[in-house]
Amino acid sequence: MNVLPWLLDWPPHPLTVVFVLLLTVFSAGTLLLFGGVTDEAPTQKVSIEATDVTVRLNDDFRYPDLENGTVHTCLSSGTPGDHLSVLGDVIVEIPHDTDERSVLVGVSLAHTEETTAMAVDETGTQTVDVFWLLEDDETLSVGDTAELQIHVRSDGETLADATRELTVQNGSVSYDCDRSLPAPTRTGSLASVPTPNVQAT
């Protein structure tokens, strides 16, 4: 727009001043409204969304009560004796536009150097099942606070991490046993072998 005629025609007409002001406000508003449209959206990061994990300790080691002289097939469930169990779910969010095609979700307890890890090969919201048994090193007791550490890594780089404080719960184990055949005894084995007929000369 050529503003030279307006400058020569001084003082300007009031309507001209109003028009110029409106044009300036409209131009500034347009720049503010549409100026950031061409900017790229910020890259989303891998995150740990939620955890539902329990830590249980069973410091009582025992075998199932069975009748003497019989063989049983037993299935156990729960936390084995002299062991800690870390069980539950960890929910992670892996953006669809991420460059990481495979990540490892690692879980550890602060008092030990041992770690368990699960691979995740898909993007989006992923639920990772945690099933970890480790021997009791007498560091924790029922009622203590265990520090659960969660890491999401790829190619040695940590993408996300989180820490949760969990109360150690009392763990136990149960057995489901089916009775089978009587156990063989040494006497029965010897009786089944015929005695050779030996004559003295």
C-alpha atoms as a PDB file:
ATOM      1  CA  MET A   1       0.000   0.000   0.000  1.00  0.00           C
ATOM      2  CA  ASN A   2       1.308   3.438  -0.986  1.00  0.00           C
ATOM      3  CA  VAL A   3       1.053   5.756   2.031  1.00  0.00           C
ATOM      4  CA  LEU A   4       2.844   8.708   0.382  1.00  0.00           C
ATOM      5  CA  PRO A   5      -0.397  10.486  -0.651  1.00  0.00           C
ATOM      6  CA  TRP A   6      -1.619  10.241   2.929  1.00  0.00           C
ATOM      7  CA  LEU A   7       1.565  11.780   4.273  1.00  0.00           C
ATOM      8  CA  LEU A   8       1.368  14.674   1.797  1.00  0.00           C
ATOM      9  CA  ASP A   9      -2.258  15.298   2.705  1.00  0.00           C
ATOM     10  CA  TRP A  10      -1.526  16.461   6.249  1.00  0.00           C
ATOM     11  CA  PRO A  11      -3.238  16.509   8.663  1.00  0.00           C
ATOM     12  CA  PRO A  12      -4.921  13.221   7.671  1.00  0.00           C
ATOM     13  CA  HIS A  13      -8.648  12.763   7.704  1.00  0.00           C
ATOM     14  CA  PRO A  14      -9.973  11.105  10.897  1.00  0.00           C
ATOM     15  CA  LEU A  15     -11.477   8.252   8.891  1.00  0.00           C
ATOM     16  CA  THR A  16      -8.084   7.608   7.358  1.00  0.00           C
ATOM     17  CA  VAL A  17      -6.490   7.342  10.811  1.00  0.00           C
ATOM     18  CA  VAL A  18      -9.146   4.860  11.948  1.00  0.00           C
ATOM     19  CA  PHE A  19      -8.672   2.764   8.805  1.00  0.00           C
ATOM     20  CA  VAL A  20      -4.895   2.591   9.291  1.00  0.00           C
ATOM     21  CA  LEU A  21      -5.280   1.574  12.939  1.00  0.00           C
ATOM     22  CA  LEU A  22      -7.770  -1.176  12.084  1.00  0.00           C
ATOM     23  CA  LEU A  23      -5.510  -2.464   9.320  1.00  0.00           C
ATOM     24  CA  THR A  24      -2.544  -2.587  11.719  1.00  0.00           C
ATOM     25  CA  VAL A  25      -4.492  -4.448  14.415  1.00  0.00           C
ATOM     26  CA  PHE A  26      -5.831  -6.950  11.881  1.00  0.00           C
ATOM     27  CA  SER A  27      -2.342  -7.647  10.498  1.00  0.00           C
ATOM     28  CA  ALA A  28      -0.847  -8.141  13.968  1.00  0.00           C
ATOM     29  CA  GLY A  29      -3.657 -10.490  14.989  1.00  0.00           C
ATOM     30  CA  THR A  30      -3.205 -12.559  11.849  1.00  0.00           C
ATOM     31  CA  LEU A  31       0.510 -12.983  12.564  1.00  0.00           C
ATOM     32  CA  LEU A  32      -0.145 -14.028  16.158  1.00  0.00           C
ATOM     33  CA  LEU A  33      -2.858 -16.490  15.169  1.00  0.00           C
ATOM     34  CA  PHE A  34      -1.155 -18.209  12.254  1.00  0.00           C
ATOM     35  CA  GLY A  35       2.486 -17.487  12.876  1.00  0.00           C
ATOM     36  CA  GLY A  36       3.164 -20.796  14.688  1.00  0.00           C
ATOM     37  CA  VAL A  37       1.311 -23.101  12.333  1.00  0.00           C
ATOM     38  CA  THR A  38       4.442 -24.031  10.423  1.00  0.00           C
ATOM     39  CA  ASP A  39       6.363 -24.919  13.600  1.00  0.00           C
ATOM     40  CA  GLU A  40       6.958 -28.630  14.162  1.00  0.00           C
ATOM     41  CA  ALA A  41       5.135 -30.246  17.075  1.00  0.00           C
ATOM     42  CA  PRO A  42       7.410 -31.119  20.003  1.00  0.00           C
ATOM     43  CA  THR A  43       8.635 -34.700  19.967  1.00  0.00           C
ATOM     44  CA  GLN A  44       6.938 -36.861  22.575  1.00  0.00           C
ATOM     45  CA  LYS A  45       9.094 -38.935  24.868  1.00  0.00           C
ATOM     46  CA  VAL A  46       8.880 -42.439  26.269  1.00  0.00           C
ATOM     47  CA  SER A  47       7.256 -42.354  29.698  1.00  0.00           C
ATOM     48  CA  ILE A  48       6.301 -44.653  32.575  1.00  0.00           C
ATOM     49  CA  GLU A  49       2.589 -44.075  33.048  1.00  0.00           C
ATOM     50  CA  ALA A  50       1.644 -46.333  35.975  1.00  0.00           C
ATOM     51  CA  THR A  51       2.767 -49.247  38.113  1.00  0.00           C
ATOM     52  CA  ASP A  52       0.817 -51.908  39.974  1.00  0.00           C
ATOM     53  CA  VAL A  53       3.498 -54.061  41.584  1.00  0.00           C
ATOM     54  CA  THR A  54       3.709 -55.882  44.917  1.00  0.00           C
ATOM     55  CA  VAL A  55       6.764 -57.153  46.781  1.00  0.00           C
ATOM     56  CA  ARG A  56       6.251 -60.219  48.983  1.00  0.00           C
ATOM     57  CA  LEU A  57       8.647 -62.076  51.266  1.00  0.00           C
ATOM     58  CA  ASN A  58       8.310 -65.693  52.375  1.00  0.00           C
ATOM     59  CA  ASP A  59      10.969 -66.488  54.958  1.00  0.00           C
ATOM     60  CA  ASP A  60       9.413 -69.847  55.886  1.00  0.00           C
ATOM     61  CA  PHE A  61      10.817 -72.753  53.914  1.00  0.00           C
ATOM     62  CA  ARG A  62       8.762 -75.931  54.147  1.00  0.00           C
ATOM     63  CA  TYR A  63       7.723 -78.925  52.091  1.00  0.00           C
ATOM     64  CA  PRO A  64       4.102 -80.040  51.660  1.00  0.00           C
ATOM     65  CA  ASP A  65       2.719 -82.433  54.264  1.00  0.00           C
ATOM     66  CA  LEU A  66       2.605 -85.846  52.606  1.00  0.00           C
ATOM     67  CA  GLU A  67       2.005 -89.390  53.792  1.00  0.00           C
ATOM     68  CA  ASN A  68       5.117 -91.443  54.284  1.00  0.00           C
ATOM     69  CA  GLY A  69       5.826 -94.061  51.680  1.00  0.00           C
ATOM     70  CA  THR A  70       3.905 -92.403  48.828  1.00  0.00           C
ATOM     71  CA  VAL A  71       4.856 -90.398  45.762  1.00  0.00           C
ATOM     72  CA  HIS A  72       2.947 -87.215  44.919  1.00  0.00           C
ATOM     73  CA  THR A  73       2.943 -84.786  42.033  1.00  0.00           C
ATOM     74  CA  CYS A  74       2.637 -81.270  43.464  1.00  0.00           C
ATOM     75  CA  LEU A  75       2.032 -77.866  41.923  1.00  0.00           C
ATOM     76  CA  SER A  76       2.979 -74.851  44.011  1.00  0.00           C
ATOM     77  CA  SER A  77       1.590 -71.323  43.848  1.00  0.00           C
ATOM     78  CA  GLY A  78       2.661 -68.185  45.657  1.00  0.00           C
ATOM     79  CA  THR A  79       6.065 -67.063  46.856  1.00  0.00           C
ATOM     80  CA  PRO A  80       8.532 -69.927  47.446  1.00  0.00           C
ATOM     81  CA  GLY A  81      10.210 -70.194  50.819  1.00  0.00           C
ATOM     82  CA  ASP A  82      13.278 -68.021  51.413  1.00  0.00           C
ATOM     83  CA  HIS A  83      12.406 -65.924  48.360  1.00  0.00           C
ATOM     84  CA  LEU A  84      11.142 -62.487  47.397  1.00  0.00           C
ATOM     85  CA  SER A  85       8.536 -62.141  44.675  1.00  0.00           C
ATOM     86  CA  VAL A  86       8.013 -58.999  42.605  1.00  0.00           C
ATOM     87  CA  LEU A  87       4.742 -59.338  40.721  1.00  0.00           C
ATOM     88  CA  GLY A  88       2.473 -56.948  38.847  1.00  0.00           C
ATOM     89  CA  ASP A  89       2.229 -54.635  35.839  1.00  0.00           C
ATOM     90  CA  VAL A  90       4.161 -51.646  34.552  1.00  0.00           C
ATOM     91  CA  ILE A  91       2.455 -49.438  31.958  1.00  0.00           C
ATOM     92  CA  VAL A  92       4.722 -47.521  29.578  1.00  0.00           C
ATOM     93  CA  GLU A  93       3.871 -45.086  26.797  1.00  0.00           C
ATOM     94  CA  ILE A  94       5.980 -45.315  23.635  1.00  0.00           C
ATOM     95  CA  PRO A  95       5.103 -42.598  21.064  1.00  0.00           C
ATOM     96  CA  HIS A  96       4.267 -43.775  17.559  1.00  0.00           C
ATOM     97  CA  ASP A  97       6.745 -41.324  16.021  1.00  0.00           C
ATOM     98  CA  THR A  98       9.650 -42.434  18.182  1.00  0.00           C
ATOM     99  CA  ASP A  99      12.854 -43.679  16.616  1.00  0.00           C
ATOM    100  CA  GLU A 100      13.074 -46.465  19.193  1.00  0.00           C
ATOM    101  CA  ARG A 101      11.633 -49.629  17.699  1.00  0.00           C
ATOM    102  CA  SER A 102      12.564 -51.872  20.629  1.00  0.00           C
ATOM    103  CA  VAL A 103      13.048 -50.990  24.289  1.00  0.00           C
ATOM    104  CA  LEU A 104      13.836 -52.894  27.460  1.00  0.00           C
ATOM    105  CA  VAL A 105      11.785 -52.296  30.592  1.00  0.00           C
ATOM    106  CA  GLY A 106      13.984 -53.152  33.566  1.00  0.00           C
ATOM    107  CA  VAL A 107      12.881 -53.647  37.172  1.00  0.00           C
ATOM    108  CA  SER A 108      15.211 -53.835  40.161  1.00  0.00           C
ATOM    109  CA  LEU A 109      15.244 -53.408  43.926  1.00  0.00           C
ATOM    110  CA  ALA A 110      17.575 -50.810  45.397  1.00  0.00           C
ATOM    111  CA  HIS A 111      19.144 -53.192  47.917  1.00  0.00           C
ATOM    112  CA  THR A 112      20.354 -55.657  45.274  1.00  0.00           C
ATOM    113  CA  GLU A 113      22.313 -55.440  42.030  1.00  0.00           C
ATOM    114  CA  GLU A 114      20.052 -57.960  40.294  1.00  0.00           C
ATOM    115  CA  THR A 115      17.699 -56.778  37.552  1.00  0.00           C
ATOM    116  CA  THR A 116      15.008 -58.356  35.448  1.00  0.00           C
ATOM    117  CA  ALA A 117      14.122 -56.931  32.023  1.00  0.00           C
ATOM    118  CA  MET A 118      11.322 -57.402  29.522  1.00  0.00           C
ATOM    119  CA  ALA A 119      11.447 -56.439  25.828  1.00  0.00           C
ATOM    120  CA  VAL A 120       8.776 -54.235  24.242  1.00  0.00           C
ATOM    121  CA  ASP A 121       8.662 -54.121  20.443  1.00  0.00           C
ATOM    122  CA  GLU A 122       5.469 -52.112  19.856  1.00  0.00           C
ATOM    123  CA  THR A 123       4.519 -48.454  20.205  1.00  0.00           C
ATOM    124  CA  GLY A 124       1.607 -46.922  22.052  1.00  0.00           C
ATOM    125  CA  THR A 125       0.452 -47.787  25.563  1.00  0.00           C
ATOM    126  CA  GLN A 126       2.022 -51.099  26.545  1.00  0.00           C
ATOM    127  CA  THR A 127       1.433 -53.168  29.692  1.00  0.00           C
ATOM    128  CA  VAL A 128       4.491 -55.129  30.818  1.00  0.00           C
ATOM    129  CA  ASP A 129       3.967 -58.154  33.066  1.00  0.00           C
ATOM    130  CA  VAL A 130       6.490 -58.381  35.895  1.00  0.00           C
ATOM    131  CA  PHE A 131       7.174 -61.854  37.339  1.00  0.00           C
ATOM    132  CA  TRP A 132      10.418 -61.948  39.267  1.00  0.00           C
ATOM    133  CA  LEU A 133      11.633 -64.307  42.001  1.00  0.00           C
ATOM    134  CA  LEU A 134      14.902 -63.752  43.830  1.00  0.00           C
ATOM    135  CA  GLU A 135      16.475 -65.378  46.853  1.00  0.00           C
ATOM    136  CA  ASP A 136      16.058 -63.710  50.224  1.00  0.00           C
ATOM    137  CA  ASP A 137      19.363 -62.176  51.306  1.00  0.00           C
ATOM    138  CA  GLU A 138      17.960 -61.238  54.739  1.00  0.00           C
ATOM    139  CA  THR A 139      18.106 -57.515  53.900  1.00  0.00           C
ATOM    140  CA  LEU A 140      14.354 -56.937  53.918  1.00  0.00           C
ATOM    141  CA  SER A 141      11.698 -58.029  56.379  1.00  0.00           C
ATOM    142  CA  VAL A 142       7.921 -58.026  56.191  1.00  0.00           C
ATOM    143  CA  GLY A 143       6.730 -54.463  56.796  1.00  0.00           C
ATOM    144  CA  ASP A 144       9.920 -52.821  55.535  1.00  0.00           C
ATOM    145  CA  THR A 145       9.914 -50.344  52.651  1.00  0.00           C
ATOM    146  CA  ALA A 146      11.435 -51.635  49.418  1.00  0.00           C
ATOM    147  CA  GLU A 147      12.575 -49.186  46.744  1.00  0.00           C
ATOM    148  CA  LEU A 148      11.458 -50.393  43.323  1.00  0.00           C
ATOM    149  CA  GLN A 149      13.439 -48.954  40.411  1.00  0.00           C
ATOM    150  CA  ILE A 150      12.054 -48.957  36.862  1.00  0.00           C
ATOM    151  CA  HIS A 151      14.100 -48.090  33.780  1.00  0.00           C
ATOM    152  CA  VAL A 152      13.238 -47.957  30.084  1.00  0.00           C
ATOM    153  CA  ARG A 153      16.360 -48.301  27.945  1.00  0.00           C
ATOM    154  CA  SER A 154      17.320 -48.639  24.312  1.00  0.00           C
ATOM    155  CA  ASP A 155      20.841 -49.198  22.977  1.00  0.00           C
ATOM    156  CA  GLY A 156      22.292 -48.485  26.409  1.00  0.00           C
ATOM    157  CA  GLU A 157      20.505 -45.127  26.727  1.00  0.00           C
ATOM    158  CA  THR A 158      17.974 -44.484  29.490  1.00  0.00           C
ATOM    159  CA  LEU A 159      14.759 -43.103  27.981  1.00  0.00           C
ATOM    160  CA  ALA A 160      12.692 -42.972  31.179  1.00  0.00           C
ATOM    161  CA  ASP A 161      13.033 -43.994  34.803  1.00  0.00           C
ATOM    162  CA  ALA A 162      10.920 -43.995  37.947  1.00  0.00           C
ATOM    163  CA  THR A 163      11.144 -45.041  41.587  1.00  0.00           C
ATOM    164  CA  ARG A 164       8.370 -46.454  43.738  1.00  0.00           C
ATOM    165  CA  GLU A 165       8.435 -47.154  47.474  1.00  0.00           C
ATOM    166  CA  LEU A 166       6.535 -50.342  48.315  1.00  0.00           C
ATOM    167  CA  THR A 167       5.791 -52.021  51.633  1.00  0.00           C
ATOM    168  CA  VAL A 168       7.053 -55.609  51.769  1.00  0.00           C
ATOM    169  CA  GLN A 169       4.064 -57.896  52.276  1.00  0.00           C
ATOM    170  CA  ASN A 170       3.977 -61.341  53.827  1.00  0.00           C
ATOM    171  CA  GLY A 171       4.230 -64.041  51.189  1.00  0.00           C
ATOM    172  CA  SER A 172       3.263 -67.699  51.378  1.00  0.00           C
ATOM    173  CA  VAL A 173       3.184 -70.767  49.197  1.00  0.00           C
ATOM    174  CA  SER A 174       0.490 -73.407  48.791  1.00  0.00           C
ATOM    175  CA  TYR A 175       0.695 -76.872  47.271  1.00  0.00           C
ATOM    176  CA  ASP A 176      -1.804 -78.836  45.224  1.00  0.00           C
ATOM    177  CA  CYS A 177      -0.739 -82.475  45.349  1.00  0.00           C
ATOM    178  CA  ASP A 178      -2.189 -85.568  43.676  1.00  0.00           C
ATOM    179  CA  ARG A 179      -1.496 -88.964  45.219  1.00  0.00           C
ATOM    180  CA  SER A 180       0.296 -91.415  42.979  1.00  0.00           C
ATOM    181  CA  LEU A 181       1.707 -94.942  43.361  1.00  0.00           C
ATOM    182  CA  PRO A 182       3.423 -96.104  46.565  1.00  0.00           C
ATOM    183  CA  ALA A 183       7.107 -95.415  46.607  1.00  0.00           C
ATOM    184  CA  PRO A 184       9.311 -98.484  45.992  1.00  0.00           C
ATOM    185  CA  THR A 185      11.194 -99.784  49.009  1.00  0.00           C
ATOM    186  CA  ARG A 186      14.518-101.518  49.202  1.00  0.00           C
ATOM    187  CA  THR A 187      12.913-104.655  50.729  1.00  0.00           C
ATOM    188  CA  GLY A 188      10.460-104.981  47.871  1.00  0.00           C
ATOM    189  CA  SER A 189      13.206-104.580  45.317  1.00  0.00           C
ATOM    190  CA  LEU A 190      15.304-107.321  46.854  1.00  0.00           C
ATOM    191  CA  ALA A 191      12.355-109.678  47.158  1.00  0.00           C
ATOM    192  CA  SER A 192      11.641-109.442  43.452  1.00  0.00           C
ATOM    193  CA  VAL A 193      15.071-110.790  42.578  1.00  0.00           C
ATOM    194  CA  PRO A 194      15.154-114.668  42.630  1.00  0.00           C
ATOM    195  CA  THR A 195      17.802-116.253  44.811  1.00  0.00           C
ATOM    196  CA  PRO A 196      20.215-118.398  42.749  1.00  0.00           C
ATOM    197  CA  ASN A 197      20.535-122.115  43.612  1.00  0.00           C
ATOM    198  CA  VAL A 198      24.156-122.580  44.638  1.00  0.00           C
ATOM    199  CA  GLN A 199      25.487-125.999  45.663  1.00  0.00           C
ATOM    200  CA  ALA A 200      28.617-126.488  47.673  1.00  0.00           C
ATOM    201  CA  THR A 201      31.256-128.795  46.261  1.00  0.00           C
END
